[in-house]
């Protein structure tokens, strides 16, 4: 039977992570979810007109910035900036009733995918890909791989901690999102 990685351990780490990210580190980004159903596409599967986004949802995150580069292209000097945004899974997804001792915590109910937009420091970043394989104590509770009959509760151990979004800078005129006052 596993000793570490049960619901109490996960709840403690979740609380500490949320306090660190919200009160100590305090890095935030606005997340715009791409709305596929509203966007009209042409016969090639490309967005022929405007793209539609849901949001923004303001989320706490860890941000790893790469250096900005200015490569020469055939059209002149370009601007490139890649950033990694790291979000807690529990802040993104819905409430985890099985692992959450504190039942008042809710997530934003969104799953990051390629094409979503993140607003950070008045700059827009398009999500290229996501990585969601950061497991606490190396266990994925969705795949317990129970082969030993004496350890029948391995599905109650482990936790997917964070989702990493690899992004690149995209000019605001290509995004088509305009900030408006209400």
N, C-alpha and C. Protein backbone atom coordinates (compact mmCIF):
# COMPACT_ATOMS: atom_id res chain seq x y z
N UNK A 1 0.85 -1.18 0.00
CA UNK A 1 0.00 0.00 0.00
C UNK A 1 0.89 1.24 0.00
N UNK A 2 0.52 2.22 -0.78
CA UNK A 2 1.28 3.47 -0.85
C UNK A 2 1.11 4.25 0.44
N UNK A 3 2.21 4.88 0.90
CA UNK A 3 2.16 5.64 2.14
C UNK A 3 1.93 7.13 1.90
N UNK A 4 2.44 7.64 0.79
CA UNK A 4 2.36 9.07 0.53
C UNK A 4 1.56 9.31 -0.75
N UNK A 5 0.95 10.46 -0.83
CA UNK A 5 0.20 10.82 -2.03
C UNK A 5 -1.28 10.59 -1.90
N UNK A 6 -1.78 10.44 -0.66
CA UNK A 6 -3.22 10.26 -0.46
C UNK A 6 -3.92 11.62 -0.46
N UNK A 7 -5.22 11.61 -0.22
CA UNK A 7 -6.03 12.83 -0.30
C UNK A 7 -5.58 13.90 0.67
N UNK A 8 -5.15 13.53 1.88
CA UNK A 8 -4.70 14.54 2.86
C UNK A 8 -3.41 15.20 2.40
N UNK A 9 -2.47 14.43 1.86
CA UNK A 9 -1.22 15.00 1.35
C UNK A 9 -1.50 15.94 0.18
N UNK A 10 -2.37 15.52 -0.70
CA UNK A 10 -2.70 16.33 -1.87
C UNK A 10 -3.40 17.62 -1.46
N UNK A 11 -4.30 17.53 -0.50
CA UNK A 11 -5.01 18.73 -0.03
C UNK A 11 -4.04 19.72 0.60
N UNK A 12 -3.07 19.24 1.36
CA UNK A 12 -2.06 20.12 1.96
C UNK A 12 -1.24 20.81 0.89
N UNK A 13 -0.75 20.06 -0.09
CA UNK A 13 0.06 20.65 -1.15
C UNK A 13 -0.76 21.60 -2.02
N UNK A 14 -2.01 21.28 -2.28
CA UNK A 14 -2.87 22.16 -3.06
C UNK A 14 -3.05 23.50 -2.34
N UNK A 15 -3.27 23.45 -1.03
CA UNK A 15 -3.45 24.67 -0.24
C UNK A 15 -2.17 25.50 -0.22
N UNK A 16 -1.03 24.86 -0.03
CA UNK A 16 0.26 25.57 -0.01
C UNK A 16 0.55 26.17 -1.39
N UNK A 17 0.31 25.41 -2.45
CA UNK A 17 0.55 25.92 -3.81
C UNK A 17 -0.33 27.12 -4.12
N UNK A 18 -1.59 27.05 -3.76
CA UNK A 18 -2.50 28.18 -4.03
C UNK A 18 -2.10 29.41 -3.23
N UNK A 19 -1.66 29.21 -1.99
CA UNK A 19 -1.24 30.36 -1.18
C UNK A 19 0.05 30.97 -1.74
N UNK A 20 0.99 30.12 -2.14
CA UNK A 20 2.23 30.64 -2.73
C UNK A 20 1.96 31.39 -4.03
N UNK A 21 1.17 30.79 -4.90
CA UNK A 21 0.92 31.42 -6.20
C UNK A 21 0.05 32.66 -6.08
N UNK A 22 -0.87 32.69 -5.13
CA UNK A 22 -1.77 33.82 -5.01
C UNK A 22 -1.25 34.95 -4.15
N UNK A 23 -0.56 34.62 -3.05
CA UNK A 23 -0.17 35.65 -2.09
C UNK A 23 1.31 35.98 -2.10
N UNK A 24 2.16 35.08 -2.55
CA UNK A 24 3.61 35.32 -2.51
C UNK A 24 4.14 35.65 -3.90
N UNK A 25 3.93 34.76 -4.85
CA UNK A 25 4.47 34.96 -6.20
C UNK A 25 3.63 35.97 -6.97
N UNK A 26 2.34 35.85 -6.93
CA UNK A 26 1.37 36.81 -7.49
C UNK A 26 1.59 37.14 -8.96
N UNK A 27 1.85 36.14 -9.78
CA UNK A 27 1.89 36.35 -11.23
C UNK A 27 0.53 35.92 -11.78
N UNK A 28 -0.07 36.79 -12.59
CA UNK A 28 -1.38 36.49 -13.14
C UNK A 28 -1.38 36.70 -14.64
N UNK A 29 -2.24 35.94 -15.29
CA UNK A 29 -2.43 36.06 -16.74
C UNK A 29 -3.91 35.87 -17.04
N UNK A 30 -4.37 36.53 -18.09
CA UNK A 30 -5.76 36.40 -18.53
C UNK A 30 -5.82 35.35 -19.62
N UNK A 31 -6.74 34.40 -19.49
CA UNK A 31 -6.84 33.27 -20.39
C UNK A 31 -8.08 33.42 -21.25
N UNK A 32 -7.89 33.41 -22.57
CA UNK A 32 -8.99 33.46 -23.53
C UNK A 32 -9.11 32.09 -24.19
N UNK A 33 -10.25 31.45 -24.02
CA UNK A 33 -10.49 30.13 -24.59
C UNK A 33 -11.06 30.28 -26.00
N UNK A 34 -10.43 29.60 -26.96
CA UNK A 34 -10.88 29.63 -28.35
C UNK A 34 -12.23 28.95 -28.46
N UNK A 35 -13.18 29.61 -29.10
CA UNK A 35 -14.54 29.10 -29.26
C UNK A 35 -14.70 28.54 -30.67
N UNK A 36 -14.53 27.24 -30.80
CA UNK A 36 -14.54 26.58 -32.10
C UNK A 36 -15.92 26.60 -32.75
N UNK A 37 -16.97 26.45 -31.95
CA UNK A 37 -18.32 26.37 -32.51
C UNK A 37 -18.77 27.69 -33.13
N UNK A 38 -18.30 28.80 -32.60
CA UNK A 38 -18.72 30.12 -33.10
C UNK A 38 -17.89 30.58 -34.30
N UNK A 39 -16.69 30.05 -34.46
CA UNK A 39 -15.79 30.49 -35.52
C UNK A 39 -16.15 29.80 -36.83
N UNK A 40 -16.30 30.57 -37.88
CA UNK A 40 -16.60 30.01 -39.20
C UNK A 40 -15.30 29.59 -39.87
N UNK A 41 -15.32 28.41 -40.47
CA UNK A 41 -14.13 27.89 -41.13
C UNK A 41 -14.41 27.69 -42.62
N UNK A 42 -13.33 27.70 -43.42
CA UNK A 42 -13.48 27.45 -44.85
C UNK A 42 -13.32 25.96 -45.13
N UNK A 43 -13.24 25.56 -46.39
CA UNK A 43 -13.18 24.14 -46.73
C UNK A 43 -11.86 23.50 -46.30
N UNK A 44 -10.84 24.31 -45.99
CA UNK A 44 -9.55 23.78 -45.54
C UNK A 44 -9.46 23.67 -44.03
N UNK A 45 -10.51 24.03 -43.32
CA UNK A 45 -10.50 23.97 -41.87
C UNK A 45 -9.84 25.17 -41.22
N UNK A 46 -9.63 26.23 -41.99
CA UNK A 46 -9.01 27.44 -41.46
C UNK A 46 -10.10 28.46 -41.14
N UNK A 47 -9.81 29.31 -40.16
CA UNK A 47 -10.77 30.36 -39.80
C UNK A 47 -10.79 31.39 -40.92
N UNK A 48 -11.92 31.50 -41.61
CA UNK A 48 -12.00 32.39 -42.76
C UNK A 48 -12.24 33.83 -42.35
N UNK A 49 -12.90 34.04 -41.26
CA UNK A 49 -13.18 35.41 -40.81
C UNK A 49 -12.58 35.65 -39.44
N UNK A 50 -13.39 36.17 -38.58
CA UNK A 50 -12.92 36.45 -37.23
C UNK A 50 -13.01 35.21 -36.37
N UNK A 51 -12.09 35.13 -35.42
CA UNK A 51 -12.10 34.06 -34.43
C UNK A 51 -12.82 34.56 -33.19
N UNK A 52 -13.48 33.65 -32.51
CA UNK A 52 -14.20 34.01 -31.30
C UNK A 52 -13.55 33.34 -30.10
N UNK A 53 -13.48 34.09 -29.00
CA UNK A 53 -12.86 33.60 -27.77
C UNK A 53 -13.80 33.84 -26.60
N UNK A 54 -13.81 32.90 -25.65
CA UNK A 54 -14.49 33.09 -24.37
C UNK A 54 -13.48 33.65 -23.39
N UNK A 55 -13.92 34.50 -22.52
CA UNK A 55 -13.00 35.00 -21.50
C UNK A 55 -13.02 36.49 -21.42
N UNK A 56 -12.10 37.06 -20.77
CA UNK A 56 -10.92 36.46 -20.15
C UNK A 56 -11.21 35.91 -18.75
N UNK A 57 -10.42 34.91 -18.37
CA UNK A 57 -10.44 34.37 -17.02
C UNK A 57 -9.08 34.68 -16.42
N UNK A 58 -9.05 35.40 -15.31
CA UNK A 58 -7.80 35.77 -14.66
C UNK A 58 -7.34 34.63 -13.77
N UNK A 59 -6.11 34.12 -14.02
CA UNK A 59 -5.59 32.96 -13.31
C UNK A 59 -4.21 33.25 -12.74
N UNK A 60 -3.93 32.67 -11.57
CA UNK A 60 -2.58 32.71 -11.02
C UNK A 60 -1.75 31.66 -11.74
N UNK A 61 -0.48 31.97 -11.98
CA UNK A 61 0.38 31.03 -12.70
C UNK A 61 1.84 31.33 -12.40
N UNK A 62 2.68 30.40 -12.79
CA UNK A 62 4.12 30.62 -12.81
C UNK A 62 4.51 30.88 -14.25
N UNK A 63 5.41 31.84 -14.46
CA UNK A 63 5.75 32.25 -15.82
C UNK A 63 7.26 32.12 -16.01
N UNK A 64 7.66 31.36 -17.02
CA UNK A 64 9.07 31.25 -17.42
C UNK A 64 9.23 31.97 -18.74
N UNK A 65 9.92 33.09 -18.70
CA UNK A 65 10.12 33.90 -19.90
C UNK A 65 11.46 33.57 -20.54
N UNK A 66 11.43 33.39 -21.84
CA UNK A 66 12.68 33.29 -22.59
C UNK A 66 13.06 34.70 -23.04
N UNK A 67 14.28 34.85 -23.48
CA UNK A 67 14.72 36.15 -23.98
C UNK A 67 14.00 36.47 -25.29
N UNK A 68 13.74 37.75 -25.48
CA UNK A 68 13.13 38.20 -26.73
C UNK A 68 14.20 38.20 -27.81
N UNK A 69 13.82 37.78 -29.00
CA UNK A 69 14.76 37.76 -30.11
C UNK A 69 14.20 38.56 -31.27
N UNK A 70 15.08 39.05 -32.11
CA UNK A 70 14.71 39.82 -33.30
C UNK A 70 15.39 39.23 -34.52
N UNK A 71 14.88 38.11 -35.04
CA UNK A 71 15.52 37.49 -36.20
C UNK A 71 15.23 38.27 -37.49
N UNK A 72 16.16 38.18 -38.41
CA UNK A 72 15.97 38.78 -39.73
C UNK A 72 15.19 37.81 -40.61
N UNK A 73 14.15 38.32 -41.25
CA UNK A 73 13.37 37.52 -42.19
C UNK A 73 13.43 38.19 -43.55
N UNK A 74 12.78 37.59 -44.53
CA UNK A 74 12.78 38.18 -45.87
C UNK A 74 11.99 39.48 -45.93
N UNK A 75 11.14 39.73 -44.91
CA UNK A 75 10.35 40.95 -44.87
C UNK A 75 10.96 42.01 -43.96
N UNK A 76 12.05 41.71 -43.30
CA UNK A 76 12.69 42.65 -42.39
C UNK A 76 12.93 42.01 -41.04
N UNK A 77 13.05 42.84 -40.03
CA UNK A 77 13.31 42.35 -38.68
C UNK A 77 12.00 41.92 -38.04
N UNK A 78 12.00 40.76 -37.43
CA UNK A 78 10.81 40.21 -36.80
C UNK A 78 11.00 40.24 -35.28
N UNK A 79 9.95 39.92 -34.55
CA UNK A 79 9.99 39.89 -33.09
C UNK A 79 9.47 38.54 -32.62
N UNK A 80 10.24 37.85 -31.81
CA UNK A 80 9.82 36.55 -31.27
C UNK A 80 10.02 36.55 -29.76
N UNK A 81 9.05 35.94 -29.07
CA UNK A 81 9.13 35.85 -27.62
C UNK A 81 8.34 34.63 -27.19
N UNK A 82 9.00 33.63 -26.65
CA UNK A 82 8.35 32.41 -26.19
C UNK A 82 8.27 32.43 -24.67
N UNK A 83 7.13 32.05 -24.14
CA UNK A 83 6.91 32.02 -22.70
C UNK A 83 6.20 30.73 -22.34
N UNK A 84 6.57 30.18 -21.17
CA UNK A 84 5.86 29.03 -20.61
C UNK A 84 4.99 29.51 -19.46
N UNK A 85 3.71 29.18 -19.51
CA UNK A 85 2.78 29.48 -18.43
C UNK A 85 2.45 28.17 -17.73
N UNK A 86 2.61 28.14 -16.40
CA UNK A 86 2.34 26.93 -15.62
C UNK A 86 1.17 27.20 -14.69
N UNK A 87 0.07 26.47 -14.92
CA UNK A 87 -1.15 26.64 -14.14
C UNK A 87 -1.38 25.41 -13.27
N UNK A 88 -1.95 25.61 -12.08
CA UNK A 88 -2.39 24.48 -11.28
C UNK A 88 -3.59 23.83 -11.96
N UNK A 89 -3.59 22.53 -12.04
CA UNK A 89 -4.69 21.81 -12.69
C UNK A 89 -6.01 22.11 -11.99
N UNK A 90 -5.97 22.20 -10.67
CA UNK A 90 -7.21 22.41 -9.92
C UNK A 90 -7.79 23.80 -10.12
N UNK A 91 -6.97 24.78 -10.51
CA UNK A 91 -7.49 26.11 -10.82
C UNK A 91 -8.13 26.14 -12.19
N UNK A 92 -7.71 25.25 -13.08
CA UNK A 92 -8.25 25.23 -14.44
C UNK A 92 -9.49 24.36 -14.56
N UNK A 93 -9.42 23.17 -14.04
CA UNK A 93 -10.51 22.21 -14.22
C UNK A 93 -11.59 22.42 -13.18
N UNK A 94 -12.63 21.63 -13.24
CA UNK A 94 -13.71 21.74 -12.28
C UNK A 94 -13.30 21.25 -10.91
N UNK A 95 -14.20 21.35 -9.97
CA UNK A 95 -13.92 20.97 -8.59
C UNK A 95 -13.66 19.47 -8.50
N UNK A 96 -12.55 19.09 -7.88
CA UNK A 96 -12.20 17.68 -7.71
C UNK A 96 -12.83 17.19 -6.40
N UNK A 97 -14.01 16.61 -6.49
CA UNK A 97 -14.72 16.20 -5.28
C UNK A 97 -14.03 15.04 -4.58
N UNK A 98 -13.37 14.19 -5.33
CA UNK A 98 -12.76 13.01 -4.73
C UNK A 98 -11.53 13.36 -3.89
N UNK A 99 -10.71 14.31 -4.37
CA UNK A 99 -9.46 14.60 -3.69
C UNK A 99 -9.50 15.86 -2.86
N UNK A 100 -10.56 16.63 -2.92
CA UNK A 100 -10.60 17.93 -2.28
C UNK A 100 -11.30 17.84 -0.94
N UNK A 101 -10.55 17.99 0.15
CA UNK A 101 -11.16 17.98 1.47
C UNK A 101 -11.97 19.25 1.67
N UNK A 102 -11.43 20.40 1.24
CA UNK A 102 -12.15 21.67 1.31
C UNK A 102 -13.08 21.75 0.10
N UNK A 103 -14.38 21.61 0.31
CA UNK A 103 -15.33 21.54 -0.80
C UNK A 103 -15.74 22.90 -1.33
N UNK A 104 -15.15 23.99 -0.83
CA UNK A 104 -15.51 25.32 -1.32
C UNK A 104 -14.62 25.79 -2.46
N UNK A 105 -13.68 24.97 -2.90
CA UNK A 105 -12.75 25.37 -3.96
C UNK A 105 -13.29 24.94 -5.32
N UNK A 106 -13.29 25.86 -6.25
CA UNK A 106 -13.79 25.57 -7.59
C UNK A 106 -12.74 25.97 -8.61
N UNK A 107 -12.76 25.31 -9.75
CA UNK A 107 -11.87 25.65 -10.85
C UNK A 107 -12.59 26.49 -11.88
N UNK A 108 -11.86 26.86 -12.93
CA UNK A 108 -12.40 27.73 -13.97
C UNK A 108 -13.12 26.95 -15.06
N UNK A 109 -13.11 25.63 -15.01
CA UNK A 109 -13.76 24.76 -16.00
C UNK A 109 -13.28 25.03 -17.41
N UNK A 110 -11.97 25.04 -17.61
CA UNK A 110 -11.43 25.16 -18.96
C UNK A 110 -10.22 24.25 -19.11
N UNK A 111 -10.05 23.75 -20.31
CA UNK A 111 -8.92 22.89 -20.64
C UNK A 111 -8.08 23.61 -21.68
N UNK A 112 -6.82 23.93 -21.36
CA UNK A 112 -5.97 24.63 -22.35
C UNK A 112 -5.70 23.75 -23.56
N UNK A 113 -5.80 24.36 -24.74
CA UNK A 113 -5.53 23.67 -25.99
C UNK A 113 -4.79 24.60 -26.93
N UNK A 114 -4.21 24.02 -27.96
CA UNK A 114 -3.53 24.84 -28.96
C UNK A 114 -4.52 25.80 -29.60
N UNK A 115 -4.12 27.04 -29.75
CA UNK A 115 -4.98 28.06 -30.33
C UNK A 115 -5.57 29.01 -29.32
N UNK A 116 -5.54 28.65 -28.03
CA UNK A 116 -6.03 29.56 -27.00
C UNK A 116 -5.07 30.75 -26.87
N UNK A 117 -5.56 31.84 -26.30
CA UNK A 117 -4.78 33.07 -26.17
C UNK A 117 -4.60 33.40 -24.69
N UNK A 118 -3.38 33.82 -24.33
CA UNK A 118 -3.08 34.26 -22.97
C UNK A 118 -2.59 35.70 -23.04
N UNK A 119 -3.20 36.57 -22.25
CA UNK A 119 -2.81 37.97 -22.17
C UNK A 119 -1.92 38.16 -20.96
N UNK A 120 -0.70 38.67 -21.20
CA UNK A 120 0.25 38.91 -20.12
C UNK A 120 1.04 40.18 -20.45
N UNK A 121 1.06 41.13 -19.53
CA UNK A 121 1.78 42.40 -19.70
C UNK A 121 1.39 43.11 -21.00
N UNK A 122 0.11 43.18 -21.27
CA UNK A 122 -0.44 43.84 -22.46
C UNK A 122 0.06 43.22 -23.77
N UNK A 123 0.51 41.98 -23.71
CA UNK A 123 0.94 41.24 -24.90
C UNK A 123 0.14 39.94 -24.98
N UNK A 124 -0.14 39.52 -26.19
CA UNK A 124 -0.91 38.30 -26.42
C UNK A 124 0.03 37.16 -26.80
N UNK A 125 -0.26 35.98 -26.27
CA UNK A 125 0.53 34.79 -26.54
C UNK A 125 -0.41 33.66 -26.92
N UNK A 126 -0.10 33.00 -28.04
CA UNK A 126 -0.93 31.90 -28.52
C UNK A 126 -0.33 30.59 -28.02
N UNK A 127 -1.19 29.71 -27.51
CA UNK A 127 -0.75 28.42 -26.99
C UNK A 127 -0.39 27.51 -28.16
N UNK A 128 0.86 27.02 -28.15
CA UNK A 128 1.31 26.08 -29.17
C UNK A 128 0.99 24.64 -28.78
N UNK A 129 1.33 24.28 -27.56
CA UNK A 129 1.03 22.95 -27.06
C UNK A 129 0.97 22.98 -25.54
N UNK A 130 0.41 21.91 -24.99
CA UNK A 130 0.28 21.80 -23.54
C UNK A 130 0.92 20.51 -23.07
N UNK A 131 1.33 20.52 -21.81
CA UNK A 131 1.96 19.36 -21.20
C UNK A 131 1.31 19.17 -19.84
N UNK A 132 0.69 18.04 -19.62
CA UNK A 132 -0.02 17.79 -18.36
C UNK A 132 0.42 16.48 -17.74
N UNK A 133 1.71 16.29 -17.58
CA UNK A 133 2.19 15.04 -16.99
C UNK A 133 3.11 15.28 -15.80
N UNK A 134 2.75 16.23 -14.94
CA UNK A 134 3.49 16.49 -13.71
C UNK A 134 2.72 15.85 -12.56
N UNK A 135 3.12 14.64 -12.17
CA UNK A 135 2.37 13.88 -11.18
C UNK A 135 3.07 13.91 -9.83
N UNK A 136 2.28 14.15 -8.78
CA UNK A 136 2.78 14.11 -7.41
C UNK A 136 3.06 12.66 -7.05
N UNK A 137 4.21 12.39 -6.49
CA UNK A 137 4.77 11.08 -6.16
C UNK A 137 4.77 10.13 -7.36
N UNK A 138 4.76 10.68 -8.55
CA UNK A 138 4.88 9.89 -9.77
C UNK A 138 3.68 9.03 -10.10
N UNK A 139 2.55 9.27 -9.47
CA UNK A 139 1.38 8.43 -9.69
C UNK A 139 0.28 9.22 -10.39
N UNK A 140 -0.29 8.62 -11.40
CA UNK A 140 -1.44 9.18 -12.08
C UNK A 140 -2.68 8.46 -11.57
N UNK A 141 -3.58 9.15 -10.86
CA UNK A 141 -4.74 8.46 -10.29
C UNK A 141 -5.71 7.94 -11.34
N UNK A 142 -5.64 8.43 -12.56
CA UNK A 142 -6.53 7.95 -13.61
C UNK A 142 -6.13 6.57 -14.12
N UNK A 143 -4.87 6.20 -13.93
CA UNK A 143 -4.35 4.90 -14.38
C UNK A 143 -3.62 4.23 -13.22
N UNK A 144 -4.35 3.60 -12.30
CA UNK A 144 -3.70 3.03 -11.11
C UNK A 144 -2.90 1.76 -11.38
N UNK A 145 -3.15 1.07 -12.50
CA UNK A 145 -2.44 -0.16 -12.84
C UNK A 145 -2.45 -1.15 -11.68
N UNK A 146 -3.62 -1.51 -11.25
CA UNK A 146 -3.76 -2.40 -10.10
C UNK A 146 -3.53 -3.84 -10.56
N UNK A 147 -2.38 -4.40 -10.17
CA UNK A 147 -2.11 -5.81 -10.48
C UNK A 147 -2.00 -6.63 -9.20
N UNK A 148 -1.73 -5.96 -8.09
CA UNK A 148 -1.58 -6.65 -6.82
C UNK A 148 -2.91 -6.60 -6.07
N UNK A 149 -3.50 -7.73 -5.73
CA UNK A 149 -4.79 -7.71 -5.03
C UNK A 149 -4.71 -7.12 -3.63
N UNK A 150 -3.50 -7.04 -3.04
CA UNK A 150 -3.35 -6.48 -1.71
C UNK A 150 -3.29 -4.96 -1.73
N UNK A 151 -3.11 -4.37 -2.90
CA UNK A 151 -3.06 -2.91 -3.03
C UNK A 151 -4.20 -2.47 -3.95
N UNK A 152 -5.41 -2.62 -3.51
CA UNK A 152 -6.57 -2.34 -4.34
C UNK A 152 -7.00 -0.89 -4.40
N UNK A 153 -6.35 -0.01 -3.65
CA UNK A 153 -6.80 1.38 -3.62
C UNK A 153 -5.76 2.34 -4.20
N UNK A 154 -5.01 1.91 -5.18
CA UNK A 154 -4.00 2.79 -5.78
C UNK A 154 -4.62 3.94 -6.57
N UNK A 155 -5.90 3.82 -6.92
CA UNK A 155 -6.55 4.93 -7.63
C UNK A 155 -6.82 6.12 -6.72
N UNK A 156 -6.58 5.99 -5.42
CA UNK A 156 -6.77 7.09 -4.48
C UNK A 156 -5.46 7.81 -4.19
N UNK A 157 -4.41 7.47 -4.88
CA UNK A 157 -3.10 8.08 -4.65
C UNK A 157 -2.63 8.78 -5.91
N UNK A 158 -1.85 9.83 -5.72
CA UNK A 158 -1.30 10.57 -6.85
C UNK A 158 -2.16 11.77 -7.20
N UNK A 159 -1.57 12.66 -8.03
CA UNK A 159 -2.26 13.91 -8.36
C UNK A 159 -1.55 14.53 -9.55
N UNK A 160 -2.30 14.99 -10.52
CA UNK A 160 -1.75 15.76 -11.63
C UNK A 160 -1.67 17.21 -11.17
N UNK A 161 -0.46 17.73 -10.98
CA UNK A 161 -0.26 19.02 -10.33
C UNK A 161 -0.50 20.21 -11.23
N UNK A 162 0.11 20.21 -12.42
CA UNK A 162 0.09 21.43 -13.22
C UNK A 162 -0.03 21.12 -14.70
N UNK A 163 -0.49 22.13 -15.42
CA UNK A 163 -0.54 22.09 -16.88
C UNK A 163 0.38 23.19 -17.38
N UNK A 164 1.31 22.83 -18.24
CA UNK A 164 2.27 23.78 -18.80
C UNK A 164 1.82 24.14 -20.21
N UNK A 165 1.69 25.43 -20.48
CA UNK A 165 1.33 25.91 -21.81
C UNK A 165 2.55 26.57 -22.44
N UNK A 166 3.04 26.01 -23.54
CA UNK A 166 4.12 26.62 -24.30
C UNK A 166 3.49 27.57 -25.31
N UNK A 167 3.93 28.83 -25.28
CA UNK A 167 3.29 29.85 -26.10
C UNK A 167 4.31 30.64 -26.89
N UNK A 168 3.82 31.38 -27.87
CA UNK A 168 4.64 32.33 -28.60
C UNK A 168 3.89 33.65 -28.72
N UNK A 169 4.64 34.74 -28.85
CA UNK A 169 4.05 36.07 -28.97
C UNK A 169 3.29 36.18 -30.29
N UNK A 170 2.14 36.83 -30.22
CA UNK A 170 1.35 37.09 -31.42
C UNK A 170 0.90 38.55 -31.36
N UNK A 171 1.06 39.30 -32.44
CA UNK A 171 0.65 40.72 -32.42
C UNK A 171 -0.85 40.87 -32.17
N UNK A 172 -1.20 41.94 -31.49
CA UNK A 172 -2.60 42.13 -31.11
C UNK A 172 -3.52 42.30 -32.31
N UNK A 173 -3.01 42.82 -33.43
CA UNK A 173 -3.88 42.97 -34.60
C UNK A 173 -4.23 41.63 -35.24
N UNK A 174 -3.40 40.61 -35.07
CA UNK A 174 -3.71 39.29 -35.60
C UNK A 174 -4.69 38.54 -34.70
N UNK A 175 -4.70 38.88 -33.42
CA UNK A 175 -5.61 38.21 -32.50
C UNK A 175 -7.03 38.70 -32.69
N UNK A 176 -7.20 40.00 -32.83
CA UNK A 176 -8.52 40.56 -33.03
C UNK A 176 -9.31 40.75 -31.75
N UNK A 177 -8.65 40.67 -30.61
CA UNK A 177 -9.32 40.90 -29.33
C UNK A 177 -9.14 42.37 -28.98
N UNK A 178 -10.23 43.05 -28.72
CA UNK A 178 -10.15 44.45 -28.33
C UNK A 178 -10.68 44.60 -26.92
N UNK A 179 -9.97 45.34 -26.11
CA UNK A 179 -10.40 45.60 -24.75
C UNK A 179 -11.39 46.75 -24.77
N UNK A 180 -12.52 46.54 -24.14
CA UNK A 180 -13.56 47.56 -24.11
C UNK A 180 -13.99 47.81 -22.68
N UNK A 181 -14.38 49.03 -22.42
CA UNK A 181 -14.93 49.36 -21.11
C UNK A 181 -16.42 49.06 -21.11
N UNK A 182 -16.88 48.59 -20.01
CA UNK A 182 -18.32 48.32 -19.88
C UNK A 182 -19.01 49.46 -19.18
